[in-house]
Protein backbone atom coordinates (compact mmCIF):
# COMPACT_ATOMS: atom_id res chain seq x y z
CA MET A 1 -16.86 2.14 -19.04
CA GLY A 2 -15.02 -0.51 -17.04
CA HIS A 3 -15.25 -4.19 -17.90
CA GLY A 4 -18.29 -4.30 -20.18
CA ASN A 5 -20.48 -5.49 -17.33
CA GLY A 6 -21.51 -2.11 -16.09
CA THR A 7 -18.75 -1.85 -13.49
CA ILE A 8 -16.29 0.81 -13.23
CA GLY A 9 -12.79 -0.28 -13.82
CA GLU A 10 -9.54 0.77 -11.93
CA GLN A 11 -8.52 3.04 -14.80
CA ASP A 12 -11.90 4.67 -14.95
CA VAL A 13 -11.64 5.56 -11.21
CA GLU A 14 -8.03 6.79 -11.50
CA ASN A 15 -9.10 9.02 -14.43
CA ALA A 16 -12.11 10.49 -12.69
CA LEU A 17 -10.14 11.14 -9.65
CA ARG A 18 -7.35 12.83 -11.57
CA VAL A 19 -9.79 15.13 -13.34
CA SER A 20 -11.73 15.90 -10.16
CA LEU A 21 -8.73 16.75 -8.03
CA ALA A 22 -7.02 18.67 -10.77
CA GLN A 23 -10.14 20.71 -11.24
CA THR A 24 -10.65 21.32 -7.54
CA ALA A 25 -7.01 22.02 -6.48
CA GLY A 26 -5.79 23.39 -9.78
CA THR A 27 -2.75 21.25 -9.77
CA SER A 28 -1.78 17.84 -11.11
CA PHE A 29 -1.07 14.83 -8.90
CA LYS A 30 0.22 11.33 -9.11
CA LEU A 31 -1.77 8.39 -7.97
CA LEU A 32 -0.10 5.66 -6.00
CA SER A 33 2.26 3.58 -8.11
CA ALA A 34 3.82 0.22 -7.89
CA PRO A 35 6.19 1.02 -5.00
CA ASP A 36 2.97 1.67 -2.96
CA ALA A 37 1.70 -1.80 -3.47
CA HIS A 38 1.22 -2.15 0.30
CA ILE A 39 -1.52 0.37 -0.10
CA ASN A 40 -2.88 -0.59 -3.44
CA HIS A 41 -2.82 -4.40 -3.08
CA PRO A 42 -1.72 -5.41 0.39
CA ALA A 43 -0.32 -8.86 0.87
CA TYR A 44 -2.80 -9.71 3.55
CA TYR A 45 -5.64 -9.33 0.94
CA GLY A 46 -3.82 -11.54 -1.55
CA GLY A 47 -1.69 -9.06 -3.31
CA LYS A 48 -1.97 -7.69 -6.90
CA ASP A 49 -0.96 -10.88 -8.73
CA ALA A 50 -3.29 -13.23 -6.70
CA THR A 51 -6.10 -14.51 -8.78
CA TYR A 52 -8.36 -14.28 -5.63
CA GLU A 53 -7.18 -11.02 -4.21
CA ALA A 54 -10.08 -9.85 -1.94
CA ILE A 55 -11.03 -6.83 -4.02
CA LYS A 56 -11.15 -8.84 -7.22
CA VAL A 57 -13.50 -11.43 -5.72
CA ILE A 58 -15.69 -8.73 -4.09
CA GLU A 59 -16.18 -7.04 -7.51
CA ALA A 60 -16.38 -10.13 -9.54
CA TRP A 61 -19.14 -11.47 -7.35
CA ASP A 62 -20.78 -7.99 -6.98
CA LEU A 63 -21.08 -8.57 -3.15
CA GLY A 64 -21.90 -5.06 -2.08
CA PHE A 65 -20.67 -3.43 1.16
CA CYS A 66 -21.60 -5.91 4.02
CA LEU A 67 -20.84 -9.19 2.11
CA GLY A 68 -17.79 -7.66 0.56
CA ASN A 69 -16.48 -6.83 4.03
CA CYS A 70 -17.14 -10.41 5.12
CA VAL A 71 -14.93 -11.61 2.41
CA LYS A 72 -12.37 -8.95 3.09
CA TYR A 73 -12.17 -9.86 6.84
CA ILE A 74 -12.10 -13.55 6.27
CA ALA A 75 -9.44 -13.20 3.59
CA ARG A 76 -7.09 -11.28 5.77
CA ALA A 77 -7.81 -13.15 9.09
CA GLY A 78 -4.70 -13.96 10.81
CA LYS A 79 -2.56 -12.20 8.11
CA LYS A 80 -2.42 -8.57 9.16
CA ASP A 81 -0.12 -7.98 12.06
CA SER A 82 -2.12 -5.38 13.67
CA ALA A 83 -5.38 -7.35 13.60
CA PRO A 84 -5.63 -10.55 15.58
CA LEU A 85 -7.40 -13.54 13.85
CA LEU A 86 -10.39 -13.64 16.20
CA ASP A 87 -10.98 -9.87 15.70
CA ASP A 88 -11.14 -10.18 12.04
CA LEU A 89 -13.52 -13.05 12.18
CA LYS A 90 -15.75 -11.29 14.67
CA LYS A 91 -15.76 -8.38 12.22
CA ALA A 92 -16.81 -10.71 9.34
CA ARG A 93 -19.51 -12.18 11.54
CA TRP A 94 -20.72 -8.60 12.39
CA TYR A 95 -21.06 -7.67 8.80
CA LEU A 96 -22.76 -11.07 7.95
CA ASP A 97 -25.27 -10.53 10.78
CA ARG A 98 -25.98 -7.09 9.53
CA GLU A 99 -26.73 -8.32 6.02
CA ILE A 100 -28.92 -11.01 7.43
CA MET A 101 -30.90 -8.44 9.41
CA ARG A 102 -31.18 -6.16 6.36
CA ILE A 103 -32.59 -9.00 4.29
CA ASP A 104 -34.80 -10.28 7.12
CA ASP A 105 -36.33 -6.72 7.48
CA ARG A 106 -36.82 -6.29 3.83
CA THR A 107 -38.38 -9.79 3.51
CA SER A 108 -40.76 -9.12 6.46
CA ALA A 109 -41.76 -5.78 4.98
CA ASP A 110 -42.46 -7.40 1.58
CA THR A 111 -44.56 -10.18 3.23
CA THR A 112 -46.52 -7.58 5.28
CA SER A 113 -47.24 -5.46 2.31
CA SER A 114 -48.31 -8.37 0.03
CA THR A 115 -50.64 -9.77 2.77
CA SER A 116 -52.34 -6.47 3.53
CA ALA A 117 -53.05 -5.74 -0.12
């Protein structure tokens, strides 16, 4: 499975999707190929050949949803035509604030439960 570190690799996902969709629809299908690089590996996230493509960094650092979105929006800030720089930075901040609140809530709950025991 995947990369030997417990993660699921791109090929694993493709194979699972192929089997699932073939069973559901009863037909075969073709996943997006190299000509669809603008979907699979958009340039504003670094592109497929970039060492630091956003998805590679997010997966390598096991960032999870909120922190992964922070990296994603910071990486693409000012590079995607339809998304102004400031909007992407505000989105990154929103996800960072959400993660901070989640950790604060969990820390507060842990502290409360340990002091009442």
